[in-house]
PDB file of N, CA and C in Angstrom:
ATOM      1  N   UNK A   1     -46.056  47.692 -16.125  1.00  0.00           N
ATOM      2  CA  UNK A   1     -46.575  47.366 -14.814  1.00  0.00           C
ATOM      3  C   UNK A   1     -45.447  47.455 -13.797  1.00  0.00           C
ATOM      4  N   UNK A   2     -45.683  48.220 -12.763  1.00  0.00           N
ATOM      5  CA  UNK A   2     -44.724  48.339 -11.668  1.00  0.00           C
ATOM      6  C   UNK A   2     -45.485  48.817 -10.441  1.00  0.00           C
ATOM      7  N   UNK A   3     -44.978  48.466  -9.281  1.00  0.00           N
ATOM      8  CA  UNK A   3     -45.607  48.968  -8.059  1.00  0.00           C
ATOM      9  C   UNK A   3     -45.459  50.490  -8.054  1.00  0.00           C
ATOM     10  N   UNK A   4     -46.278  51.197  -7.262  1.00  0.00           N
ATOM     11  CA  UNK A   4     -46.208  52.665  -7.278  1.00  0.00           C
ATOM     12  C   UNK A   4     -44.811  53.221  -7.002  1.00  0.00           C
ATOM     13  N   UNK A   5     -44.081  52.627  -6.069  1.00  0.00           N
ATOM     14  CA  UNK A   5     -42.735  53.127  -5.766  1.00  0.00           C
ATOM     15  C   UNK A   5     -41.790  52.936  -6.946  1.00  0.00           C
ATOM     16  N   UNK A   6     -41.793  51.739  -7.520  1.00  0.00           N
ATOM     17  CA  UNK A   6     -40.919  51.479  -8.670  1.00  0.00           C
ATOM     18  C   UNK A   6     -41.350  52.297  -9.880  1.00  0.00           C
ATOM     19  N   UNK A   7     -42.634  52.537 -10.013  1.00  0.00           N
ATOM     20  CA  UNK A   7     -43.140  53.285 -11.155  1.00  0.00           C
ATOM     21  C   UNK A   7     -42.611  54.716 -11.167  1.00  0.00           C
ATOM     22  N   UNK A   8     -42.309  55.261  -9.992  1.00  0.00           N
ATOM     23  CA  UNK A   8     -41.698  56.604  -9.940  1.00  0.00           C
ATOM     24  C   UNK A   8     -40.380  56.607 -10.706  1.00  0.00           C
ATOM     25  N   UNK A   9     -39.634  55.531 -10.575  1.00  0.00           N
ATOM     26  CA  UNK A   9     -38.342  55.448 -11.259  1.00  0.00           C
ATOM     27  C   UNK A   9     -38.504  55.044 -12.726  1.00  0.00           C
ATOM     28  N   UNK A  10     -39.528  54.264 -13.018  1.00  0.00           N
ATOM     29  CA  UNK A  10     -39.758  53.820 -14.391  1.00  0.00           C
ATOM     30  C   UNK A  10     -40.254  54.973 -15.253  1.00  0.00           C
ATOM     31  N   UNK A  11     -41.228  55.717 -14.743  1.00  0.00           N
ATOM     32  CA  UNK A  11     -41.860  56.809 -15.484  1.00  0.00           C
ATOM     33  C   UNK A  11     -42.342  56.295 -16.841  1.00  0.00           C
ATOM     34  N   UNK A  12     -41.929  56.922 -17.922  1.00  0.00           N
ATOM     35  CA  UNK A  12     -42.380  56.487 -19.251  1.00  0.00           C
ATOM     36  C   UNK A  12     -41.321  55.656 -19.978  1.00  0.00           C
ATOM     37  N   UNK A  13     -40.262  55.310 -19.267  1.00  0.00           N
ATOM     38  CA  UNK A  13     -39.172  54.553 -19.905  1.00  0.00           C
ATOM     39  C   UNK A  13     -39.655  53.193 -20.389  1.00  0.00           C
ATOM     40  N   UNK A  14     -39.195  52.813 -21.549  1.00  0.00           N
ATOM     41  CA  UNK A  14     -39.418  51.465 -22.068  1.00  0.00           C
ATOM     42  C   UNK A  14     -38.100  50.742 -22.279  1.00  0.00           C
ATOM     43  N   UNK A  15     -37.018  51.510 -22.211  1.00  0.00           N
ATOM     44  CA  UNK A  15     -35.675  50.949 -22.330  1.00  0.00           C
ATOM     45  C   UNK A  15     -34.803  51.528 -21.218  1.00  0.00           C
ATOM     46  N   UNK A  16     -33.685  50.870 -20.995  1.00  0.00           N
ATOM     47  CA  UNK A  16     -32.720  51.341 -20.001  1.00  0.00           C
ATOM     48  C   UNK A  16     -31.358  50.746 -20.324  1.00  0.00           C
ATOM     49  N   UNK A  17     -30.357  51.195 -19.611  1.00  0.00           N
ATOM     50  CA  UNK A  17     -28.984  50.730 -19.815  1.00  0.00           C
ATOM     51  C   UNK A  17     -28.677  49.595 -18.850  1.00  0.00           C
ATOM     52  N   UNK A  18     -28.167  48.493 -19.392  1.00  0.00           N
ATOM     53  CA  UNK A  18     -27.680  47.395 -18.553  1.00  0.00           C
ATOM     54  C   UNK A  18     -26.378  47.877 -17.929  1.00  0.00           C
ATOM     55  N   UNK A  19     -26.285  47.913 -16.587  1.00  0.00           N
ATOM     56  CA  UNK A  19     -25.073  48.427 -15.953  1.00  0.00           C
ATOM     57  C   UNK A  19     -23.830  47.579 -16.225  1.00  0.00           C
ATOM     58  N   UNK A  20     -23.990  46.332 -16.596  1.00  0.00           N
ATOM     59  CA  UNK A  20     -22.828  45.471 -16.876  1.00  0.00           C
ATOM     60  C   UNK A  20     -22.262  45.676 -18.275  1.00  0.00           C
ATOM     61  N   UNK A  21     -23.154  45.797 -19.264  1.00  0.00           N
ATOM     62  CA  UNK A  21     -22.697  45.889 -20.657  1.00  0.00           C
ATOM     63  C   UNK A  21     -22.748  47.300 -21.224  1.00  0.00           C
ATOM     64  N   UNK A  22     -23.473  48.202 -20.550  1.00  0.00           N
ATOM     65  CA  UNK A  22     -23.690  49.574 -21.024  1.00  0.00           C
ATOM     66  C   UNK A  22     -24.526  49.620 -22.304  1.00  0.00           C
ATOM     67  N   UNK A  23     -25.191  48.517 -22.637  1.00  0.00           N
ATOM     68  CA  UNK A  23     -26.074  48.479 -23.804  1.00  0.00           C
ATOM     69  C   UNK A  23     -27.483  48.892 -23.405  1.00  0.00           C
ATOM     70  N   UNK A  24     -28.172  49.570 -24.301  1.00  0.00           N
ATOM     71  CA  UNK A  24     -29.565  49.924 -24.071  1.00  0.00           C
ATOM     72  C   UNK A  24     -30.433  48.716 -24.436  1.00  0.00           C
ATOM     73  N   UNK A  25     -31.319  48.335 -23.523  1.00  0.00           N
ATOM     74  CA  UNK A  25     -32.199  47.188 -23.738  1.00  0.00           C
ATOM     75  C   UNK A  25     -33.612  47.547 -23.290  1.00  0.00           C
ATOM     76  N   UNK A  26     -34.574  46.757 -23.721  1.00  0.00           N
ATOM     77  CA  UNK A  26     -35.948  46.950 -23.257  1.00  0.00           C
ATOM     78  C   UNK A  26     -36.048  46.569 -21.790  1.00  0.00           C
ATOM     79  N   UNK A  27     -36.933  47.252 -21.070  1.00  0.00           N
ATOM     80  CA  UNK A  27     -37.218  46.877 -19.693  1.00  0.00           C
ATOM     81  C   UNK A  27     -38.051  45.599 -19.673  1.00  0.00           C
ATOM     82  N   UNK A  28     -37.983  44.877 -18.573  1.00  0.00           N
ATOM     83  CA  UNK A  28     -38.772  43.661 -18.397  1.00  0.00           C
ATOM     84  C   UNK A  28     -40.252  43.992 -18.523  1.00  0.00           C
ATOM     85  N   UNK A  29     -40.975  43.159 -19.270  1.00  0.00           N
ATOM     86  CA  UNK A  29     -42.414  43.334 -19.448  1.00  0.00           C
ATOM     87  C   UNK A  29     -43.119  42.110 -18.877  1.00  0.00           C
ATOM     88  N   UNK A  30     -43.747  42.239 -17.700  1.00  0.00           N
ATOM     89  CA  UNK A  30     -44.372  41.086 -17.059  1.00  0.00           C
ATOM     90  C   UNK A  30     -45.575  40.525 -17.817  1.00  0.00           C
ATOM     91  N   UNK A  31     -46.077  41.274 -18.786  1.00  0.00           N
ATOM     92  CA  UNK A  31     -47.187  40.766 -19.589  1.00  0.00           C
ATOM     93  C   UNK A  31     -46.700  39.896 -20.743  1.00  0.00           C
ATOM     94  N   UNK A  32     -45.424  39.986 -21.068  1.00  0.00           N
ATOM     95  CA  UNK A  32     -44.885  39.234 -22.199  1.00  0.00           C
ATOM     96  C   UNK A  32     -43.752  38.291 -21.818  1.00  0.00           C
ATOM     97  N   UNK A  33     -43.174  38.477 -20.627  1.00  0.00           N
ATOM     98  CA  UNK A  33     -42.008  37.700 -20.228  1.00  0.00           C
ATOM     99  C   UNK A  33     -42.244  37.042 -18.867  1.00  0.00           C
ATOM    100  N   UNK A  34     -41.526  35.954 -18.634  1.00  0.00           N
ATOM    101  CA  UNK A  34     -41.640  35.246 -17.358  1.00  0.00           C
ATOM    102  C   UNK A  34     -40.568  35.723 -16.394  1.00  0.00           C
ATOM    103  N   UNK A  35     -40.973  36.012 -15.162  1.00  0.00           N
ATOM    104  CA  UNK A  35     -40.066  36.496 -14.132  1.00  0.00           C
ATOM    105  C   UNK A  35     -38.884  35.546 -13.965  1.00  0.00           C
ATOM    106  N   UNK A  36     -39.150  34.257 -13.863  1.00  0.00           N
ATOM    107  CA  UNK A  36     -38.098  33.269 -13.592  1.00  0.00           C
ATOM    108  C   UNK A  36     -37.068  33.158 -14.719  1.00  0.00           C
ATOM    109  N   UNK A  37     -37.406  33.606 -15.912  1.00  0.00           N
ATOM    110  CA  UNK A  37     -36.440  33.589 -17.014  1.00  0.00           C
ATOM    111  C   UNK A  37     -35.413  34.715 -16.888  1.00  0.00           C
ATOM    112  N   UNK A  38     -35.731  35.717 -16.094  1.00  0.00           N
ATOM    113  CA  UNK A  38     -34.893  36.908 -16.021  1.00  0.00           C
ATOM    114  C   UNK A  38     -34.341  37.223 -14.635  1.00  0.00           C
ATOM    115  N   UNK A  39     -35.021  36.749 -13.601  1.00  0.00           N
ATOM    116  CA  UNK A  39     -34.661  37.121 -12.237  1.00  0.00           C
ATOM    117  C   UNK A  39     -34.558  35.893 -11.332  1.00  0.00           C
ATOM    118  N   UNK A  40     -33.816  36.062 -10.253  1.00  0.00           N
ATOM    119  CA  UNK A  40     -33.793  35.099  -9.161  1.00  0.00           C
ATOM    120  C   UNK A  40     -33.577  35.895  -7.884  1.00  0.00           C
ATOM    121  N   UNK A  41     -33.568  35.199  -6.754  1.00  0.00           N
ATOM    122  CA  UNK A  41     -33.337  35.856  -5.465  1.00  0.00           C
ATOM    123  C   UNK A  41     -31.920  35.598  -4.997  1.00  0.00           C
ATOM    124  N   UNK A  42     -31.351  36.548  -4.275  1.00  0.00           N
ATOM    125  CA  UNK A  42     -30.051  36.347  -3.632  1.00  0.00           C
ATOM    126  C   UNK A  42     -30.196  35.213  -2.622  1.00  0.00           C
ATOM    127  N   UNK A  43     -29.075  34.718  -2.142  1.00  0.00           N
ATOM    128  CA  UNK A  43     -29.098  33.584  -1.215  1.00  0.00           C
ATOM    129  C   UNK A  43     -29.953  33.858   0.018  1.00  0.00           C
ATOM    130  N   UNK A  44     -29.923  35.082   0.534  1.00  0.00           N
ATOM    131  CA  UNK A  44     -30.733  35.411   1.721  1.00  0.00           C
ATOM    132  C   UNK A  44     -32.119  35.948   1.343  1.00  0.00           C
ATOM    133  N   UNK A  45     -32.429  35.968   0.046  1.00  0.00           N
ATOM    134  CA  UNK A  45     -33.733  36.371  -0.498  1.00  0.00           C
ATOM    135  C   UNK A  45     -34.081  37.835  -0.252  1.00  0.00           C
ATOM    136  N   UNK A  46     -33.084  38.666  -0.009  1.00  0.00           N
ATOM    137  CA  UNK A  46     -33.371  40.080   0.217  1.00  0.00           C
ATOM    138  C   UNK A  46     -33.137  40.946  -1.021  1.00  0.00           C
ATOM    139  N   UNK A  47     -32.409  40.416  -2.001  1.00  0.00           N
ATOM    140  CA  UNK A  47     -32.166  41.177  -3.218  1.00  0.00           C
ATOM    141  C   UNK A  47     -32.579  40.384  -4.444  1.00  0.00           C
ATOM    142  N   UNK A  48     -33.072  41.109  -5.435  1.00  0.00           N
ATOM    143  CA  UNK A  48     -33.402  40.506  -6.713  1.00  0.00           C
ATOM    144  C   UNK A  48     -32.130  40.501  -7.549  1.00  0.00           C
ATOM    145  N   UNK A  49     -31.815  39.368  -8.147  1.00  0.00           N
ATOM    146  CA  UNK A  49     -30.614  39.209  -8.955  1.00  0.00           C
ATOM    147  C   UNK A  49     -31.020  39.095 -10.418  1.00  0.00           C
ATOM    148  N   UNK A  50     -30.376  39.872 -11.263  1.00  0.00           N
ATOM    149  CA  UNK A  50     -30.665  39.840 -12.692  1.00  0.00           C
ATOM    150  C   UNK A  50     -29.885  38.748 -13.397  1.00  0.00           C
ATOM    151  N   UNK A  51     -30.579  37.972 -14.206  1.00  0.00           N
ATOM    152  CA  UNK A  51     -29.958  36.894 -14.966  1.00  0.00           C
ATOM    153  C   UNK A  51     -29.683  37.280 -16.408  1.00  0.00           C
ATOM    154  N   UNK A  52     -30.288  38.368 -16.849  1.00  0.00           N
ATOM    155  CA  UNK A  52     -30.188  38.791 -18.247  1.00  0.00           C
ATOM    156  C   UNK A  52     -29.917  40.296 -18.321  1.00  0.00           C
ATOM    157  N   UNK A  53     -29.610  40.760 -19.511  1.00  0.00           N
ATOM    158  CA  UNK A  53     -29.425  42.206 -19.687  1.00  0.00           C
ATOM    159  C   UNK A  53     -30.710  42.959 -19.357  1.00  0.00           C
ATOM    160  N   UNK A  54     -31.840  42.390 -19.759  1.00  0.00           N
ATOM    161  CA  UNK A  54     -33.138  43.012 -19.487  1.00  0.00           C
ATOM    162  C   UNK A  54     -33.366  43.147 -17.989  1.00  0.00           C
ATOM    163  N   UNK A  55     -33.108  42.083 -17.250  1.00  0.00           N
ATOM    164  CA  UNK A  55     -33.374  42.133 -15.811  1.00  0.00           C
ATOM    165  C   UNK A  55     -32.395  43.061 -15.091  1.00  0.00           C
ATOM    166  N   UNK A  56     -31.132  43.044 -15.475  1.00  0.00           N
ATOM    167  CA  UNK A  56     -30.168  43.931 -14.827  1.00  0.00           C
ATOM    168  C   UNK A  56     -30.543  45.393 -15.055  1.00  0.00           C
ATOM    169  N   UNK A  57     -30.933  45.733 -16.279  1.00  0.00           N
ATOM    170  CA  UNK A  57     -31.340  47.106 -16.578  1.00  0.00           C
ATOM    171  C   UNK A  57     -32.598  47.479 -15.799  1.00  0.00           C
ATOM    172  N   UNK A  58     -33.530  46.540 -15.684  1.00  0.00           N
ATOM    173  CA  UNK A  58     -34.776  46.795 -14.954  1.00  0.00           C
ATOM    174  C   UNK A  58     -34.503  47.002 -13.469  1.00  0.00           C
ATOM    175  N   UNK A  59     -33.714  46.122 -12.873  1.00  0.00           N
ATOM    176  CA  UNK A  59     -33.383  46.238 -11.453  1.00  0.00           C
ATOM    177  C   UNK A  59     -32.700  47.574 -11.175  1.00  0.00           C
ATOM    178  N   UNK A  60     -31.745  47.928 -12.005  1.00  0.00           N
ATOM    179  CA  UNK A  60     -30.994  49.160 -11.812  1.00  0.00           C
ATOM    180  C   UNK A  60     -31.883  50.394 -11.977  1.00  0.00           C
ATOM    181  N   UNK A  61     -32.655  50.435 -13.039  1.00  0.00           N
ATOM    182  CA  UNK A  61     -33.469  51.606 -13.358  1.00  0.00           C
ATOM    183  C   UNK A  61     -34.607  51.804 -12.367  1.00  0.00           C
ATOM    184  N   UNK A  62     -35.270  50.718 -11.972  1.00  0.00           N
ATOM    185  CA  UNK A  62     -36.384  50.827 -11.037  1.00  0.00           C
ATOM    186  C   UNK A  62     -35.933  50.790  -9.580  1.00  0.00           C
ATOM    187  N   UNK A  63     -34.616  50.664  -9.371  1.00  0.00           N
ATOM    188  CA  UNK A  63     -34.037  50.642  -8.022  1.00  0.00           C
ATOM    189  C   UNK A  63     -34.728  49.580  -7.158  1.00  0.00           C
ATOM    190  N   UNK A  64     -34.830  48.389  -7.728  1.00  0.00           N
ATOM    191  CA  UNK A  64     -35.582  47.311  -7.089  1.00  0.00           C
ATOM    192  C   UNK A  64     -34.888  46.720  -5.867  1.00  0.00           C
ATOM    193  N   UNK A  65     -33.645  47.072  -5.629  1.00  0.00           N
ATOM    194  CA  UNK A  65     -32.931  46.600  -4.441  1.00  0.00           C
ATOM    195  C   UNK A  65     -32.554  47.753  -3.518  1.00  0.00           C
ATOM    196  N   UNK A  66     -33.337  48.828  -3.564  1.00  0.00           N
ATOM    197  CA  UNK A  66     -33.044  49.954  -2.681  1.00  0.00           C
ATOM    198  C   UNK A  66     -33.191  49.531  -1.216  1.00  0.00           C
ATOM    199  N   UNK A  67     -32.542  50.255  -0.345  1.00  0.00           N
ATOM    200  CA  UNK A  67     -32.430  49.887   1.066  1.00  0.00           C
ATOM    201  C   UNK A  67     -33.778  49.585   1.724  1.00  0.00           C
ATOM    202  N   UNK A  68     -34.783  50.402   1.457  1.00  0.00           N
ATOM    203  CA  UNK A  68     -36.093  50.187   2.078  1.00  0.00           C
ATOM    204  C   UNK A  68     -36.667  48.819   1.711  1.00  0.00           C
ATOM    205  N   UNK A  69     -36.497  48.427   0.447  1.00  0.00           N
ATOM    206  CA  UNK A  69     -37.035  47.146  -0.001  1.00  0.00           C
ATOM    207  C   UNK A  69     -36.258  45.968   0.574  1.00  0.00           C
ATOM    208  N   UNK A  70     -34.939  46.075   0.632  1.00  0.00           N
ATOM    209  CA  UNK A  70     -34.164  44.959   1.184  1.00  0.00           C
ATOM    210  C   UNK A  70     -34.454  44.792   2.672  1.00  0.00           C
ATOM    211  N   UNK A  71     -34.685  45.888   3.367  1.00  0.00           N
ATOM    212  CA  UNK A  71     -35.032  45.801   4.795  1.00  0.00           C
ATOM    213  C   UNK A  71     -36.365  45.098   5.008  1.00  0.00           C
ATOM    214  N   UNK A  72     -37.358  45.472   4.228  1.00  0.00           N
ATOM    215  CA  UNK A  72     -38.678  44.856   4.404  1.00  0.00           C
ATOM    216  C   UNK A  72     -38.644  43.390   3.965  1.00  0.00           C
ATOM    217  N   UNK A  73     -37.878  43.071   2.936  1.00  0.00           N
ATOM    218  CA  UNK A  73     -37.750  41.665   2.517  1.00  0.00           C
ATOM    219  C   UNK A  73     -37.099  40.837   3.623  1.00  0.00           C
ATOM    220  N   UNK A  74     -36.105  41.407   4.302  1.00  0.00           N
ATOM    221  CA  UNK A  74     -35.454  40.697   5.410  1.00  0.00           C
ATOM    222  C   UNK A  74     -36.470  40.378   6.502  1.00  0.00           C
ATOM    223  N   UNK A  75     -37.337  41.332   6.806  1.00  0.00           N
ATOM    224  CA  UNK A  75     -38.386  41.112   7.800  1.00  0.00           C
ATOM    225  C   UNK A  75     -39.342  40.021   7.328  1.00  0.00           C
ATOM    226  N   UNK A  76     -39.736  40.077   6.066  1.00  0.00           N
ATOM    227  CA  UNK A  76     -40.643  39.065   5.526  1.00  0.00           C
ATOM    228  C   UNK A  76     -40.021  37.674   5.560  1.00  0.00           C
ATOM    229  N   UNK A  77     -38.712  37.577   5.294  1.00  0.00           N
ATOM    230  CA  UNK A  77     -38.020  36.284   5.365  1.00  0.00           C
ATOM    231  C   UNK A  77     -38.128  35.731   6.776  1.00  0.00           C
ATOM    232  N   UNK A  78     -37.869  36.575   7.773  1.00  0.00           N
ATOM    233  CA  UNK A  78     -37.960  36.132   9.175  1.00  0.00           C
ATOM    234  C   UNK A  78     -39.366  35.667   9.528  1.00  0.00           C
ATOM    235  N   UNK A  79     -40.383  36.270   8.911  1.00  0.00           N
ATOM    236  CA  UNK A  79     -41.781  35.898   9.163  1.00  0.00           C
ATOM    237  C   UNK A  79     -42.210  34.692   8.347  1.00  0.00           C
ATOM    238  N   UNK A  80     -41.350  34.208   7.456  1.00  0.00           N
ATOM    239  CA  UNK A  80     -41.692  33.090   6.596  1.00  0.00           C
ATOM    240  C   UNK A  80     -42.612  33.457   5.443  1.00  0.00           C
ATOM    241  N   UNK A  81     -42.650  34.715   5.112  1.00  0.00           N
ATOM    242  CA  UNK A  81     -43.542  35.213   4.058  1.00  0.00           C
ATOM    243  C   UNK A  81     -42.832  35.503   2.742  1.00  0.00           C
ATOM    244  N   UNK A  82     -41.537  35.250   2.719  1.00  0.00           N
ATOM    245  CA  UNK A  82     -40.759  35.625   1.540  1.00  0.00           C
ATOM    246  C   UNK A  82     -39.634  34.621   1.349  1.00  0.00           C
ATOM    247  N   UNK A  83     -39.210  34.283   0.168  1.00  0.00           N
ATOM    248  CA  UNK A  83     -39.607  34.847  -1.123  1.00  0.00           C
ATOM    249  C   UNK A  83     -40.916  34.239  -1.621  1.00  0.00           C
ATOM    250  N   UNK A  84     -41.583  34.944  -2.511  1.00  0.00           N
ATOM    251  CA  UNK A  84     -42.825  34.420  -3.072  1.00  0.00           C
ATOM    252  C   UNK A  84     -42.566  33.245  -3.999  1.00  0.00           C
ATOM    253  N   UNK A  85     -43.570  32.449  -4.205  1.00  0.00           N
ATOM    254  CA  UNK A  85     -43.485  31.345  -5.167  1.00  0.00           C
ATOM    255  C   UNK A  85     -43.900  31.864  -6.530  1.00  0.00           C
ATOM    256  N   UNK A  86     -42.907  32.166  -7.342  1.00  0.00           N
ATOM    257  CA  UNK A  86     -43.192  32.728  -8.669  1.00  0.00           C
ATOM    258  C   UNK A  86     -42.920  31.657  -9.714  1.00  0.00           C
TER     259      UNK A  86
END
Protein backbone atom coordinates (compact mmCIF):
# COMPACT_ATOMS: atom_id res chain seq x y z
CA UNK A 1 0.00 0.00 0.00
CA UNK A 2 1.35 3.38 -1.03
CA UNK A 3 -0.07 6.59 -2.38
CA UNK A 4 0.10 6.83 -6.19
CA UNK A 5 3.20 9.06 -6.12
CA UNK A 6 5.11 6.85 -3.69
CA UNK A 7 3.96 3.74 -5.53
CA UNK A 8 5.89 4.91 -8.61
CA UNK A 9 9.05 4.55 -6.57
CA UNK A 10 7.95 1.35 -4.82
CA UNK A 11 6.92 -0.50 -7.98
CA UNK A 12 7.12 -4.23 -7.21
CA UNK A 13 9.82 -3.92 -4.55
CA UNK A 14 9.27 -5.75 -1.29
CA UNK A 15 12.75 -5.07 0.06
CA UNK A 16 15.17 -2.16 -0.04
CA UNK A 17 18.52 -1.04 1.32
CA UNK A 18 18.68 0.82 4.62
CA UNK A 19 20.87 3.84 3.79
CA UNK A 20 22.46 3.78 7.27
CA UNK A 21 23.46 0.12 7.48
CA UNK A 22 23.50 -0.85 3.77
CA UNK A 23 21.54 -3.98 4.74
CA UNK A 24 18.64 -5.21 2.63
CA UNK A 25 15.41 -5.23 4.65
CA UNK A 26 11.70 -5.62 4.00
CA UNK A 27 9.75 -2.47 3.24
CA UNK A 28 7.22 -1.25 5.81
CA UNK A 29 3.90 -3.09 5.50
CA UNK A 30 1.01 -1.01 6.88
CA UNK A 31 -1.22 -4.09 6.97
CA UNK A 32 1.12 -5.91 9.35
CA UNK A 33 3.07 -3.17 11.14
CA UNK A 34 2.23 -0.06 13.14
CA UNK A 35 3.37 3.30 11.78
CA UNK A 36 4.33 4.61 15.23
CA UNK A 37 6.68 1.66 15.81
CA UNK A 38 8.76 2.65 12.79
CA UNK A 39 8.26 6.34 12.05
CA UNK A 40 7.96 9.72 13.71
CA UNK A 41 7.82 13.32 12.51
CA UNK A 42 10.68 15.82 12.46
CA UNK A 43 10.41 18.66 14.96
CA UNK A 44 8.71 20.93 12.39
CA UNK A 45 6.55 17.98 11.16
CA UNK A 46 7.66 18.38 7.55
CA UNK A 47 9.77 15.23 7.28
CA UNK A 48 9.15 11.63 8.20
CA UNK A 49 11.93 10.25 10.40
CA UNK A 50 12.80 6.56 10.36
CA UNK A 51 13.22 4.83 13.70
CA UNK A 52 14.13 1.41 12.33
CA UNK A 53 15.99 -0.15 9.43
CA UNK A 54 12.63 -0.91 7.82
CA UNK A 55 11.43 2.67 8.05
CA UNK A 56 14.71 4.20 6.85
CA UNK A 57 14.74 1.90 3.81
CA UNK A 58 11.07 2.70 3.12
CA UNK A 59 11.54 6.46 3.41
CA UNK A 60 14.59 6.38 1.17
CA UNK A 61 13.16 4.05 -1.49
CA UNK A 62 9.73 5.69 -1.72
CA UNK A 63 11.30 9.18 -1.50
CA UNK A 64 8.83 10.06 1.23
CA UNK A 65 10.62 13.31 2.08
CA UNK A 66 10.98 14.64 -1.45
CA UNK A 67 10.77 18.42 -1.83
CA UNK A 68 7.17 18.50 -3.07
CA UNK A 69 5.96 16.58 -0.02
CA UNK A 70 7.90 18.63 2.53
CA UNK A 71 6.55 21.83 0.97
CA UNK A 72 2.94 20.69 1.16
CA UNK A 73 3.42 19.41 4.72
CA UNK A 74 4.77 22.84 5.71
CA UNK A 75 1.60 24.42 4.30
CA UNK A 76 -0.57 21.90 6.14
CA UNK A 77 1.27 22.65 9.41
CA UNK A 78 0.51 26.36 8.99
CA UNK A 79 -3.17 25.47 8.39
CA UNK A 80 -3.25 23.30 11.51
CA UNK A 81 -3.96 20.20 9.46
CA UNK A 82 -0.71 18.38 10.05
CA UNK A 83 0.74 16.15 11.46
CA UNK A 84 -2.02 13.55 11.48
CA UNK A 85 -2.97 11.69 14.62
CA UNK A 86 -1.63 8.23 13.89
